[in-house]
Structures are given as structure tokens and as C-alpha cells.
Amino acid sequence: MRFVLSLLILFTLSGLQAQSKKELAQSLQRDLEDYRKYTLAMNFDSSFMFMSPRMFDIVPFDSLKATMLQSMDNEYMKIELTGLDIGPKKKVKIKQAGPYHWAMVPYTGSMRMELKGEEGFKKLLIPIMKREFGSENVKMEGESTMLLTLKNKNLIAVKEPGAKRWYMLEDKRKENGDQDEMQKMIYETVVPEEVRKEIEGN
């Protein structure tokens, strides 16, 4: 009788675990789709819901929103996000690190940049962008429109205990540039230590 009872408990726990994994996968898929939709629409009020609250300890919500709006449309350029394909054809693997669940989610993107600056600015910017993103990923449409393709990118998705949704952060660990120290600080502040150890151990 005790053996049968043990088997019943084991099967019940396995079923709960399978159900929990399925729910996690479904919630990640749902949140990725919402994140994609809001990001493409440049609806920062909604897309910022998928940022960890720790991000806003670094940069307050209103300041970050104002910075994003200014960077997307200013005296030098106007940027339109034209594509965001999140997730591979195969299923994203969700892992656990301490009390957190996390996943590395690949994505590709595209944007259109309308260059407003003077001719000298355009001549300066185009080779910089080609070095940064690869010349094959930077195409000119006419003299003032740049089409940019973003390849081999990843989002770090983290589900914290009790959180309503997954938090997303672009993985910029391998990128170099003027913002390198800031990106490192954001990564170390926003991504929990347990998750960072798992990511860096892979």
C-alpha cells in the first residue's frame, strides 16, 4: 500500500511539474508576442512593462521614455522599426536558476532610418553603421534612407517569483562601444546573479 501511495505522489508531482513547465512556456510565448507588438508600435508605456523594475532604479521611467522618443525622431534622423521576428523555429528552452526561470531568446529585426542631417553627417554615419552592423546589413534606399537589418541578436527573458510577466533585456555582452560600461552595469543590475552565473557558465 505504501509503495502504491508513493507512486501516486510521484505521478502527481510529475504532472504538476509538467503543467508548470507548460504554463511557463505559454506565458513566455504570450509575453514575447506582446513585447513584439508594443515595440514595433513604439508604444513605450506598454513595452516598458516588460523591463525589470531594477532598470528604473538606474534610469527613471519618464527619463528613459523621453530619451527613447528623442532618439527615434530628432534633428538628425527619424527611425521606424519595420520588423521584429522573435524566437527560433524550434522551441525556446526555459531553464531554472535558484528561484528564477530564464531563457535566451534569439531574434532578428529591421529598421528604416530617414537621415535628416547635412551631407557631411550622412557621409560620416554610413561607414560607422556598416562597421557596427556589417556592410551586408546596411542598405541605402535613395540618398537619405538607410535600411538596417539586425541579425544574431538575443533577448534574455527572466521570470521572477511572483512577477506577472517575463522581463526582457537585450543581450549586449559581446558588443563594444562608447556605451560598453553602461551596458555592463545595466546587465549586472537587471539580471539576477543566479541567472548571470548560469548564462556565463554556458
N, C-alpha and C. Protein backbone atom coordinates (compact mmCIF):
# COMPACT_ATOMS: atom_id res chain seq x y z
N MET A 1 0.84 -1.21 0.00
CA MET A 1 0.00 0.00 0.00
C MET A 1 0.88 1.26 0.00
N ARG A 2 1.93 1.21 0.84
CA ARG A 2 2.83 2.36 0.93
C ARG A 2 3.50 2.61 -0.43
N PHE A 3 3.85 1.53 -1.15
CA PHE A 3 4.51 1.64 -2.45
C PHE A 3 3.56 2.30 -3.46
N VAL A 4 2.29 1.87 -3.44
CA VAL A 4 1.28 2.43 -4.35
C VAL A 4 1.09 3.91 -4.06
N LEU A 5 1.06 4.25 -2.76
CA LEU A 5 0.90 5.64 -2.34
C LEU A 5 2.06 6.51 -2.84
N SER A 6 3.27 5.95 -2.70
CA SER A 6 4.47 6.66 -3.16
C SER A 6 4.42 6.91 -4.67
N LEU A 7 3.96 5.89 -5.40
CA LEU A 7 3.84 6.05 -6.86
C LEU A 7 2.82 7.13 -7.21
N LEU A 8 1.69 7.13 -6.50
CA LEU A 8 0.66 8.13 -6.75
C LEU A 8 1.19 9.54 -6.52
N ILE A 9 1.93 9.73 -5.42
CA ILE A 9 2.51 11.04 -5.10
C ILE A 9 3.51 11.45 -6.18
N LEU A 10 4.33 10.48 -6.61
CA LEU A 10 5.34 10.75 -7.64
C LEU A 10 4.69 11.18 -8.95
N PHE A 11 3.65 10.45 -9.36
CA PHE A 11 2.96 10.78 -10.62
C PHE A 11 2.27 12.14 -10.51
N THR A 12 1.70 12.43 -9.33
CA THR A 12 1.02 13.72 -9.13
C THR A 12 2.02 14.87 -9.23
N LEU A 13 3.18 14.72 -8.57
CA LEU A 13 4.22 15.75 -8.61
C LEU A 13 4.76 15.94 -10.02
N SER A 14 4.96 14.84 -10.74
CA SER A 14 5.45 14.91 -12.13
C SER A 14 4.44 15.64 -13.02
N GLY A 15 3.16 15.35 -12.78
CA GLY A 15 2.10 16.01 -13.55
C GLY A 15 2.06 17.50 -13.29
N LEU A 16 2.22 17.88 -12.01
CA LEU A 16 2.23 19.30 -11.64
C LEU A 16 3.42 20.01 -12.26
N GLN A 17 4.57 19.33 -12.24
CA GLN A 17 5.79 19.92 -12.81
C GLN A 17 5.63 20.12 -14.32
N ALA A 18 5.05 19.13 -14.99
CA ALA A 18 4.82 19.23 -16.44
C ALA A 18 3.85 20.36 -16.75
N GLN A 19 2.81 20.47 -15.90
CA GLN A 19 1.82 21.53 -16.09
C GLN A 19 2.48 22.90 -15.89
N SER A 20 3.34 22.98 -14.86
CA SER A 20 4.02 24.23 -14.56
C SER A 20 4.93 24.64 -15.73
N LYS A 21 5.66 23.68 -16.31
CA LYS A 21 6.54 23.97 -17.45
C LYS A 21 5.73 24.44 -18.65
N LYS A 22 4.59 23.80 -18.86
CA LYS A 22 3.72 24.18 -19.98
C LYS A 22 3.20 25.60 -19.79
N GLU A 23 2.79 25.93 -18.56
CA GLU A 23 2.28 27.27 -18.27
C GLU A 23 3.37 28.32 -18.45
N LEU A 24 4.60 27.99 -18.02
CA LEU A 24 5.72 28.91 -18.20
C LEU A 24 5.98 29.18 -19.68
N ALA A 25 5.99 28.10 -20.47
CA ALA A 25 6.24 28.24 -21.91
C ALA A 25 5.15 29.08 -22.57
N GLN A 26 3.90 28.85 -22.16
CA GLN A 26 2.79 29.61 -22.74
C GLN A 26 2.87 31.08 -22.36
N SER A 27 3.22 31.34 -21.09
CA SER A 27 3.31 32.73 -20.64
C SER A 27 4.47 33.45 -21.33
N LEU A 28 5.57 32.75 -21.56
CA LEU A 28 6.71 33.35 -22.26
C LEU A 28 6.31 33.69 -23.70
N GLN A 29 5.65 32.76 -24.37
CA GLN A 29 5.23 32.99 -25.76
C GLN A 29 4.28 34.18 -25.84
N ARG A 30 3.35 34.23 -24.89
CA ARG A 30 2.37 35.34 -24.87
C ARG A 30 3.08 36.68 -24.65
N ASP A 31 4.00 36.71 -23.68
CA ASP A 31 4.69 37.96 -23.36
C ASP A 31 5.63 38.40 -24.48
N LEU A 32 6.27 37.44 -25.14
CA LEU A 32 7.14 37.78 -26.27
C LEU A 32 6.32 38.41 -27.40
N GLU A 33 5.15 37.87 -27.65
CA GLU A 33 4.29 38.40 -28.71
C GLU A 33 3.81 39.82 -28.37
N ASP A 34 3.43 40.02 -27.10
CA ASP A 34 3.01 41.36 -26.67
C ASP A 34 4.17 42.35 -26.73
N TYR A 35 5.34 41.90 -26.30
CA TYR A 35 6.54 42.74 -26.33
C TYR A 35 6.85 43.14 -27.78
N ARG A 36 6.76 42.18 -28.68
CA ARG A 36 6.99 42.44 -30.11
C ARG A 36 6.01 43.48 -30.64
N LYS A 37 4.74 43.29 -30.32
CA LYS A 37 3.68 44.17 -30.82
C LYS A 37 3.88 45.61 -30.34
N TYR A 38 4.15 45.76 -29.04
CA TYR A 38 4.32 47.10 -28.48
C TYR A 38 5.61 47.77 -28.96
N THR A 39 6.67 46.96 -29.12
CA THR A 39 7.95 47.52 -29.57
C THR A 39 7.83 48.04 -31.00
N LEU A 40 7.22 47.25 -31.88
CA LEU A 40 7.05 47.68 -33.27
C LEU A 40 6.18 48.94 -33.36
N ALA A 41 5.20 49.04 -32.48
CA ALA A 41 4.32 50.22 -32.48
C ALA A 41 4.97 51.40 -31.77
N MET A 42 6.17 51.19 -31.21
CA MET A 42 6.88 52.20 -30.43
C MET A 42 6.00 52.73 -29.30
N ASN A 43 5.23 51.81 -28.71
CA ASN A 43 4.39 52.12 -27.56
C ASN A 43 5.23 51.84 -26.31
N PHE A 44 6.01 52.85 -25.89
CA PHE A 44 6.95 52.64 -24.80
C PHE A 44 6.27 52.44 -23.45
N ASP A 45 5.11 53.06 -23.25
CA ASP A 45 4.38 52.86 -21.99
C ASP A 45 4.10 51.38 -21.77
N SER A 46 3.76 50.67 -22.86
CA SER A 46 3.43 49.24 -22.75
C SER A 46 4.66 48.36 -22.84
N SER A 47 5.60 48.67 -23.75
CA SER A 47 6.79 47.81 -23.88
C SER A 47 7.68 47.88 -22.64
N PHE A 48 7.67 49.02 -21.93
CA PHE A 48 8.48 49.15 -20.72
C PHE A 48 7.95 48.27 -19.58
N MET A 49 6.70 47.79 -19.71
CA MET A 49 6.17 46.87 -18.69
C MET A 49 6.98 45.57 -18.66
N PHE A 50 7.70 45.30 -19.77
CA PHE A 50 8.49 44.08 -19.86
C PHE A 50 9.94 44.31 -19.48
N MET A 51 10.20 45.44 -18.83
CA MET A 51 11.52 45.71 -18.25
C MET A 51 11.44 45.47 -16.76
N SER A 52 12.53 44.95 -16.21
CA SER A 52 12.60 44.75 -14.76
C SER A 52 12.50 46.10 -14.06
N PRO A 53 11.79 46.17 -12.92
CA PRO A 53 11.76 47.42 -12.14
C PRO A 53 13.16 47.90 -11.76
N ARG A 54 14.14 46.98 -11.73
CA ARG A 54 15.51 47.38 -11.42
C ARG A 54 16.07 48.34 -12.46
N MET A 55 15.58 48.24 -13.70
CA MET A 55 16.03 49.15 -14.76
C MET A 55 15.73 50.60 -14.37
N PHE A 56 14.56 50.81 -13.75
CA PHE A 56 14.13 52.17 -13.44
C PHE A 56 14.80 52.71 -12.17
N ASP A 57 15.57 51.85 -11.49
CA ASP A 57 16.45 52.34 -10.43
C ASP A 57 17.67 53.02 -11.05
N ILE A 58 18.02 52.60 -12.28
CA ILE A 58 19.16 53.18 -13.00
C ILE A 58 18.72 54.43 -13.74
N VAL A 59 17.66 54.29 -14.53
CA VAL A 59 17.10 55.41 -15.29
C VAL A 59 15.60 55.47 -15.00
N PRO A 60 15.10 56.56 -14.41
CA PRO A 60 13.65 56.65 -14.14
C PRO A 60 12.82 56.47 -15.40
N PHE A 61 11.64 55.91 -15.24
CA PHE A 61 10.74 55.59 -16.35
C PHE A 61 10.58 56.77 -17.31
N ASP A 62 10.22 57.95 -16.77
CA ASP A 62 9.95 59.10 -17.62
C ASP A 62 11.19 59.55 -18.38
N SER A 63 12.34 59.48 -17.74
CA SER A 63 13.60 59.88 -18.39
C SER A 63 13.94 58.91 -19.53
N LEU A 64 13.74 57.60 -19.28
CA LEU A 64 14.04 56.61 -20.30
C LEU A 64 13.10 56.76 -21.50
N LYS A 65 11.83 57.00 -21.22
CA LYS A 65 10.86 57.20 -22.29
C LYS A 65 11.21 58.43 -23.13
N ALA A 66 11.55 59.52 -22.46
CA ALA A 66 11.91 60.75 -23.17
C ALA A 66 13.15 60.54 -24.03
N THR A 67 14.13 59.80 -23.51
CA THR A 67 15.36 59.51 -24.25
C THR A 67 15.05 58.68 -25.50
N MET A 68 14.19 57.66 -25.33
CA MET A 68 13.83 56.81 -26.46
C MET A 68 13.10 57.60 -27.55
N LEU A 69 12.15 58.43 -27.14
CA LEU A 69 11.40 59.23 -28.10
C LEU A 69 12.33 60.19 -28.85
N GLN A 70 13.27 60.79 -28.12
CA GLN A 70 14.21 61.72 -28.73
C GLN A 70 15.15 61.00 -29.70
N SER A 71 15.56 59.78 -29.34
CA SER A 71 16.49 59.04 -30.21
C SER A 71 15.79 58.54 -31.48
N MET A 72 14.47 58.35 -31.42
CA MET A 72 13.74 57.82 -32.57
C MET A 72 13.36 58.92 -33.58
N ASP A 73 13.31 60.15 -33.11
CA ASP A 73 12.94 61.24 -34.02
C ASP A 73 13.58 62.53 -33.53
N ASN A 74 14.64 62.97 -34.22
CA ASN A 74 15.35 64.17 -33.81
C ASN A 74 15.83 64.92 -35.05
N GLU A 75 16.67 65.92 -34.85
CA GLU A 75 17.11 66.76 -35.97
C GLU A 75 18.00 66.02 -36.95
N TYR A 76 18.56 64.86 -36.52
CA TYR A 76 19.48 64.12 -37.37
C TYR A 76 18.83 62.96 -38.12
N MET A 77 17.86 62.33 -37.49
CA MET A 77 17.24 61.16 -38.12
C MET A 77 15.88 60.83 -37.53
N LYS A 78 15.10 60.08 -38.31
CA LYS A 78 13.84 59.52 -37.83
C LYS A 78 13.92 58.02 -38.05
N ILE A 79 13.67 57.25 -36.98
CA ILE A 79 13.80 55.79 -37.05
C ILE A 79 12.44 55.14 -36.94
N GLU A 80 12.18 54.20 -37.83
CA GLU A 80 10.95 53.40 -37.80
C GLU A 80 11.34 51.92 -37.72
N LEU A 81 10.80 51.22 -36.72
CA LEU A 81 11.04 49.78 -36.61
C LEU A 81 10.12 49.07 -37.60
N THR A 82 10.70 48.31 -38.50
CA THR A 82 9.89 47.69 -39.56
C THR A 82 9.70 46.19 -39.40
N GLY A 83 10.48 45.56 -38.53
CA GLY A 83 10.34 44.12 -38.34
C GLY A 83 10.96 43.66 -37.04
N LEU A 84 10.35 42.66 -36.43
CA LEU A 84 10.90 42.06 -35.21
C LEU A 84 10.42 40.61 -35.17
N ASP A 85 11.33 39.71 -35.49
CA ASP A 85 11.00 38.28 -35.53
C ASP A 85 11.64 37.63 -34.31
N ILE A 86 10.82 37.35 -33.31
CA ILE A 86 11.33 36.84 -32.03
C ILE A 86 11.14 35.34 -31.95
N GLY A 87 12.20 34.66 -31.52
CA GLY A 87 12.13 33.22 -31.29
C GLY A 87 12.53 32.42 -32.51
N PRO A 88 13.20 31.29 -32.29
CA PRO A 88 13.61 30.44 -33.40
C PRO A 88 12.48 29.55 -33.84
N LYS A 89 12.71 28.75 -34.88
CA LYS A 89 11.68 27.82 -35.32
C LYS A 89 11.49 26.71 -34.30
N LYS A 90 12.60 26.35 -33.61
CA LYS A 90 12.44 25.34 -32.56
C LYS A 90 12.09 26.02 -31.24
N LYS A 91 11.58 25.25 -30.29
CA LYS A 91 11.09 25.78 -29.03
C LYS A 91 12.23 26.36 -28.20
N VAL A 92 11.97 27.52 -27.57
CA VAL A 92 12.95 28.13 -26.66
C VAL A 92 13.03 27.29 -25.40
N LYS A 93 14.24 27.04 -24.92
CA LYS A 93 14.42 26.22 -23.72
C LYS A 93 14.40 27.10 -22.48
N ILE A 94 13.46 26.81 -21.59
CA ILE A 94 13.36 27.54 -20.33
C ILE A 94 14.15 26.81 -19.26
N LYS A 95 15.03 27.55 -18.57
CA LYS A 95 15.87 26.95 -17.54
C LYS A 95 15.57 27.60 -16.19
N GLN A 96 16.05 26.96 -15.14
CA GLN A 96 15.83 27.49 -13.80
C GLN A 96 17.17 27.78 -13.14
N ALA A 97 17.23 28.92 -12.43
CA ALA A 97 18.42 29.30 -11.68
C ALA A 97 17.94 29.86 -10.35
N GLY A 98 18.12 29.07 -9.28
CA GLY A 98 17.58 29.48 -7.98
C GLY A 98 16.07 29.62 -8.09
N PRO A 99 15.50 30.73 -7.62
CA PRO A 99 14.04 30.90 -7.70
C PRO A 99 13.56 31.47 -9.03
N TYR A 100 14.48 31.69 -9.96
CA TYR A 100 14.15 32.34 -11.23
C TYR A 100 14.07 31.33 -12.38
N HIS A 101 13.23 31.65 -13.37
CA HIS A 101 13.24 30.94 -14.65
C HIS A 101 13.78 31.91 -15.69
N TRP A 102 14.50 31.39 -16.67
CA TRP A 102 15.07 32.27 -17.68
C TRP A 102 15.20 31.54 -19.01
N ALA A 103 15.35 32.32 -20.06
CA ALA A 103 15.53 31.75 -21.41
C ALA A 103 16.32 32.75 -22.26
N MET A 104 17.14 32.22 -23.14
CA MET A 104 17.85 33.05 -24.13
C MET A 104 17.03 32.96 -25.42
N VAL A 105 16.50 34.09 -25.85
CA VAL A 105 15.56 34.10 -26.98
C VAL A 105 16.18 34.84 -28.17
N PRO A 106 16.51 34.12 -29.25
CA PRO A 106 17.08 34.78 -30.43
C PRO A 106 16.03 35.62 -31.18
N TYR A 107 16.51 36.69 -31.81
CA TYR A 107 15.59 37.47 -32.63
C TYR A 107 16.36 38.16 -33.76
N THR A 108 15.62 38.53 -34.78
CA THR A 108 16.15 39.37 -35.85
C THR A 108 15.21 40.57 -35.98
N GLY A 109 15.76 41.66 -36.44
CA GLY A 109 14.95 42.87 -36.56
C GLY A 109 15.35 43.68 -37.77
N SER A 110 14.55 44.68 -38.08
CA SER A 110 14.88 45.58 -39.17
C SER A 110 14.32 46.96 -38.86
N MET A 111 14.99 47.98 -39.38
CA MET A 111 14.51 49.34 -39.18
C MET A 111 14.85 50.21 -40.39
N ARG A 112 14.08 51.26 -40.51
CA ARG A 112 14.28 52.25 -41.58
C ARG A 112 14.72 53.55 -40.90
N MET A 113 15.83 54.10 -41.38
CA MET A 113 16.34 55.35 -40.81
C MET A 113 16.33 56.42 -41.88
N GLU A 114 15.53 57.45 -41.64
CA GLU A 114 15.49 58.60 -42.55
C GLU A 114 16.49 59.62 -42.04
N LEU A 115 17.55 59.85 -42.79
CA LEU A 115 18.62 60.75 -42.37
C LEU A 115 18.26 62.19 -42.72
N LYS A 116 18.25 63.06 -41.70
CA LYS A 116 17.85 64.45 -41.89
C LYS A 116 19.05 65.39 -41.92
N GLY A 117 20.18 64.92 -41.42
CA GLY A 117 21.35 65.79 -41.29
C GLY A 117 21.92 66.23 -42.63
N GLU A 118 22.94 67.07 -42.55
CA GLU A 118 23.61 67.56 -43.76
C GLU A 118 24.38 66.43 -44.43
N GLU A 119 24.83 66.69 -45.64
CA GLU A 119 25.53 65.67 -46.44
C GLU A 119 26.75 65.14 -45.72
N GLY A 120 27.47 66.01 -45.03
CA GLY A 120 28.66 65.59 -44.29
C GLY A 120 28.34 64.60 -43.19
N PHE A 121 27.19 64.81 -42.53
CA PHE A 121 26.74 63.89 -41.48
C PHE A 121 26.45 62.51 -42.05
N LYS A 122 25.78 62.49 -43.20
CA LYS A 122 25.45 61.21 -43.85
C LYS A 122 26.72 60.45 -44.23
N LYS A 123 27.67 61.15 -44.80
CA LYS A 123 28.92 60.52 -45.22
C LYS A 123 29.68 59.94 -44.03
N LEU A 124 29.54 60.60 -42.89
CA LEU A 124 30.21 60.13 -41.67
C LEU A 124 29.49 58.93 -41.07
N LEU A 125 28.15 59.00 -41.07
CA LEU A 125 27.34 57.98 -40.38
C LEU A 125 27.35 56.63 -41.11
N ILE A 126 27.24 56.64 -42.42
CA ILE A 126 27.08 55.39 -43.18
C ILE A 126 28.23 54.40 -42.94
N PRO A 127 29.52 54.81 -43.04
CA PRO A 127 30.59 53.83 -42.76
C PRO A 127 30.61 53.37 -41.31
N ILE A 128 30.20 54.24 -40.38
CA ILE A 128 30.14 53.84 -38.96
C ILE A 128 29.11 52.73 -38.78
N MET A 129 27.95 52.90 -39.40
CA MET A 129 26.88 51.90 -39.29
C MET A 129 27.29 50.58 -39.94
N LYS A 130 28.02 50.67 -41.06
CA LYS A 130 28.47 49.44 -41.74
C LYS A 130 29.49 48.68 -40.90
N ARG A 131 30.34 49.41 -40.21
CA ARG A 131 31.31 48.75 -39.30
C ARG A 131 30.60 48.12 -38.11
N GLU A 132 29.60 48.81 -37.61
CA GLU A 132 28.88 48.36 -36.41
C GLU A 132 28.02 47.13 -36.70
N PHE A 133 27.31 47.13 -37.83
CA PHE A 133 26.32 46.08 -38.10
C PHE A 133 26.70 45.16 -39.25
N GLY A 134 27.80 45.44 -39.94
CA GLY A 134 28.18 44.65 -41.10
C GLY A 134 27.64 45.29 -42.36
N SER A 135 28.49 45.46 -43.36
CA SER A 135 28.08 46.18 -44.57
C SER A 135 26.91 45.50 -45.28
N GLU A 136 26.82 44.15 -45.14
CA GLU A 136 25.72 43.42 -45.79
C GLU A 136 24.37 43.71 -45.13
N ASN A 137 24.39 44.27 -43.92
CA ASN A 137 23.16 44.54 -43.19
C ASN A 137 22.73 46.00 -43.26
N VAL A 138 23.48 46.81 -44.02
CA VAL A 138 23.17 48.23 -44.17
C VAL A 138 22.99 48.54 -45.65
N LYS A 139 21.78 48.90 -46.04
CA LYS A 139 21.48 49.21 -47.44
C LYS A 139 20.92 50.62 -47.53
N MET A 140 21.30 51.33 -48.57
CA MET A 140 20.76 52.67 -48.79
C MET A 140 19.61 52.60 -49.80
N GLU A 141 18.54 53.32 -49.47
CA GLU A 141 17.38 53.45 -50.36
C GLU A 141 17.32 54.93 -50.74
N GLY A 142 17.82 55.23 -51.93
CA GLY A 142 17.98 56.64 -52.29
C GLY A 142 19.17 57.22 -51.54
N GLU A 143 19.20 58.52 -51.38
CA GLU A 143 20.35 59.18 -50.75
C GLU A 143 20.18 59.37 -49.25
N SER A 144 18.95 59.30 -48.75
CA SER A 144 18.73 59.69 -47.36
C SER A 144 18.02 58.64 -46.51
N THR A 145 17.79 57.45 -47.04
CA THR A 145 17.10 56.41 -46.25
C THR A 145 18.00 55.18 -46.11
N MET A 146 18.23 54.80 -44.90
CA MET A 146 19.06 53.64 -44.61
C MET A 146 18.18 52.50 -44.10
N LEU A 147 18.34 51.32 -44.69
CA LEU A 147 17.62 50.13 -44.25
C LEU A 147 18.60 49.25 -43.48
N LEU A 148 18.27 48.99 -42.24
CA LEU A 148 19.20 48.29 -41.35
C LEU A 148 18.61 46.96 -40.91
N THR A 149 19.39 45.89 -41.03
CA THR A 149 18.96 44.56 -40.57
C THR A 149 19.77 44.18 -39.33
N LEU A 150 19.07 43.71 -38.30
CA LEU A 150 19.71 43.29 -37.06
C LEU A 150 19.68 41.76 -37.00
N LYS A 151 20.85 41.15 -37.01
CA LYS A 151 20.94 39.69 -37.02
C LYS A 151 21.69 39.17 -35.80
N ASN A 152 21.45 37.87 -35.50
CA ASN A 152 22.16 37.18 -34.41
C ASN A 152 22.05 37.93 -33.09
N LYS A 153 20.84 38.41 -32.80
CA LYS A 153 20.58 39.12 -31.55
C LYS A 153 19.85 38.19 -30.58
N ASN A 154 19.96 38.50 -29.30
CA ASN A 154 19.29 37.70 -28.28
C ASN A 154 18.65 38.58 -27.22
N LEU A 155 17.50 38.13 -26.75
CA LEU A 155 16.87 38.70 -25.57
C LEU A 155 17.08 37.75 -24.40
N ILE A 156 17.43 38.29 -23.24
CA ILE A 156 17.45 37.49 -22.01
C ILE A 156 16.09 37.68 -21.36
N ALA A 157 15.32 36.61 -21.27
CA ALA A 157 13.99 36.67 -20.65
C ALA A 157 14.08 36.05 -19.26
N VAL A 158 13.59 36.77 -18.26
CA VAL A 158 13.66 36.30 -16.86
C VAL A 158 12.28 36.39 -16.23
N LYS A 159 11.88 35.31 -15.57
CA LYS A 159 10.61 35.29 -14.81
C LYS A 159 10.96 35.23 -13.34
N GLU A 160 10.62 36.29 -12.63
CA GLU A 160 10.91 36.35 -11.20
C GLU A 160 9.72 35.83 -10.40
N PRO A 161 9.97 35.26 -9.21
CA PRO A 161 8.88 34.74 -8.39
C PRO A 161 7.85 35.83 -8.09
N GLY A 162 6.59 35.54 -8.35
CA GLY A 162 5.52 36.49 -8.05
C GLY A 162 5.29 37.55 -9.11
N ALA A 163 6.18 37.65 -10.11
CA ALA A 163 6.02 38.67 -11.16
C ALA A 163 4.91 38.25 -12.12
N LYS A 164 4.15 39.22 -12.61
CA LYS A 164 3.03 38.93 -13.51
C LYS A 164 3.50 38.56 -14.91
N ARG A 165 4.68 39.06 -15.29
CA ARG A 165 5.14 38.83 -16.66
C ARG A 165 6.65 38.59 -16.69
N TRP A 166 7.12 38.12 -17.84
CA TRP A 166 8.55 37.94 -18.06
C TRP A 166 9.19 39.30 -18.32
N TYR A 167 10.42 39.47 -17.84
CA TYR A 167 11.17 40.69 -18.12
C TYR A 167 12.19 40.41 -19.22
N MET A 168 12.34 41.37 -20.13
CA MET A 168 13.23 41.21 -21.29
C MET A 168 14.39 42.20 -21.21
N LEU A 169 15.56 41.73 -21.59
CA LEU A 169 16.72 42.61 -21.72
C LEU A 169 17.54 42.14 -22.90
N GLU A 170 17.91 43.06 -23.79
CA GLU A 170 18.75 42.68 -24.92
C GLU A 170 20.13 42.29 -24.40
N ASP A 171 20.65 41.19 -24.92
CA ASP A 171 21.98 40.70 -24.52
C ASP A 171 23.04 41.46 -25.31
N LYS A 172 23.72 42.40 -24.65
CA LYS A 172 24.73 43.22 -25.32
C LYS A 172 26.12 42.94 -24.77
N ARG A 173 26.32 41.77 -24.17
CA ARG A 173 27.61 41.48 -23.52
C ARG A 173 28.76 41.46 -24.51
N LYS A 174 28.50 41.09 -25.76
CA LYS A 174 29.59 40.95 -26.73
C LYS A 174 29.79 42.21 -27.57
N GLU A 175 28.97 43.22 -27.31
CA GLU A 175 29.08 44.44 -28.10
C GLU A 175 30.09 45.39 -27.48
N ASN A 176 30.84 46.08 -28.32
CA ASN A 176 31.81 47.06 -27.85
C ASN A 176 31.36 48.44 -28.30
N GLY A 177 31.84 49.45 -27.58
CA GLY A 177 31.49 50.82 -27.98
C GLY A 177 31.51 51.75 -26.79
N ASP A 178 31.04 52.98 -27.05
CA ASP A 178 31.08 54.02 -26.02
C ASP A 178 30.19 53.67 -24.83
N GLN A 179 29.14 52.87 -25.07
CA GLN A 179 28.18 52.56 -24.01
C GLN A 179 28.50 51.24 -23.29
N ASP A 180 29.69 50.70 -23.52
CA ASP A 180 30.04 49.38 -23.01
C ASP A 180 29.90 49.28 -21.49
N GLU A 181 30.45 50.26 -20.76
CA GLU A 181 30.39 50.23 -19.29
C GLU A 181 28.96 50.37 -18.79
N MET A 182 28.19 51.23 -19.44
CA MET A 182 26.78 51.40 -19.06
C MET A 182 26.00 50.12 -19.28
N GLN A 183 26.23 49.44 -20.44
CA GLN A 183 25.53 48.19 -20.73
C GLN A 183 25.89 47.11 -19.73
N LYS A 184 27.15 47.08 -19.34
CA LYS A 184 27.61 46.10 -18.34
C LYS A 184 26.91 46.34 -17.01
N MET A 185 26.80 47.60 -16.63
CA MET A 185 26.15 47.95 -15.36
C MET A 185 24.66 47.60 -15.38
N ILE A 186 24.02 47.84 -16.53
CA ILE A 186 22.60 47.50 -16.66
C ILE A 186 22.41 45.99 -16.55
N TYR A 187 23.25 45.24 -17.26
CA TYR A 187 23.17 43.77 -17.23
C TYR A 187 23.34 43.24 -15.81
N GLU A 188 24.33 43.75 -15.10
CA GLU A 188 24.62 43.25 -13.74
C GLU A 188 23.57 43.68 -12.73
N THR A 189 22.88 44.79 -13.02
CA THR A 189 21.84 45.28 -12.10
C THR A 189 20.51 44.60 -12.36
N VAL A 190 20.19 44.42 -13.62
CA VAL A 190 18.85 43.95 -14.01
C VAL A 190 18.73 42.42 -13.96
N VAL A 191 19.78 41.71 -14.41
CA VAL A 191 19.71 40.24 -14.45
C VAL A 191 20.18 39.69 -13.10
N PRO A 192 19.33 38.89 -12.42
CA PRO A 192 19.71 38.34 -11.12
C PRO A 192 21.01 37.55 -11.18
N GLU A 193 21.75 37.58 -10.08
CA GLU A 193 23.07 36.94 -10.04
C GLU A 193 23.00 35.46 -10.39
N GLU A 194 21.99 34.76 -9.88
CA GLU A 194 21.86 33.33 -10.16
C GLU A 194 21.73 33.06 -11.67
N VAL A 195 20.98 33.93 -12.34
CA VAL A 195 20.78 33.78 -13.79
C VAL A 195 22.08 34.12 -14.53
N ARG A 196 22.76 35.17 -14.09
CA ARG A 196 24.04 35.56 -14.73
C ARG A 196 25.05 34.41 -14.66
N LYS A 197 25.10 33.76 -13.53
CA LYS A 197 26.04 32.62 -13.37
C LYS A 197 25.73 31.51 -14.36
N GLU A 198 24.42 31.24 -14.54
CA GLU A 198 24.00 30.20 -15.50
C GLU A 198 24.34 30.61 -16.94
N ILE A 199 24.06 31.88 -17.27
CA ILE A 199 24.33 32.37 -18.63
C ILE A 199 25.82 32.30 -18.94
N GLU A 200 26.62 32.77 -18.01
CA GLU A 200 28.07 32.84 -18.24
C GLU A 200 28.74 31.49 -18.15
N GLY A 201 28.03 30.51 -17.55
CA GLY A 201 28.57 29.16 -17.48
C GLY A 201 28.30 28.35 -18.73
N ASN A 202 27.40 28.89 -19.61
CA ASN A 202 27.03 28.16 -20.84
C ASN A 202 28.00 28.48 -21.97
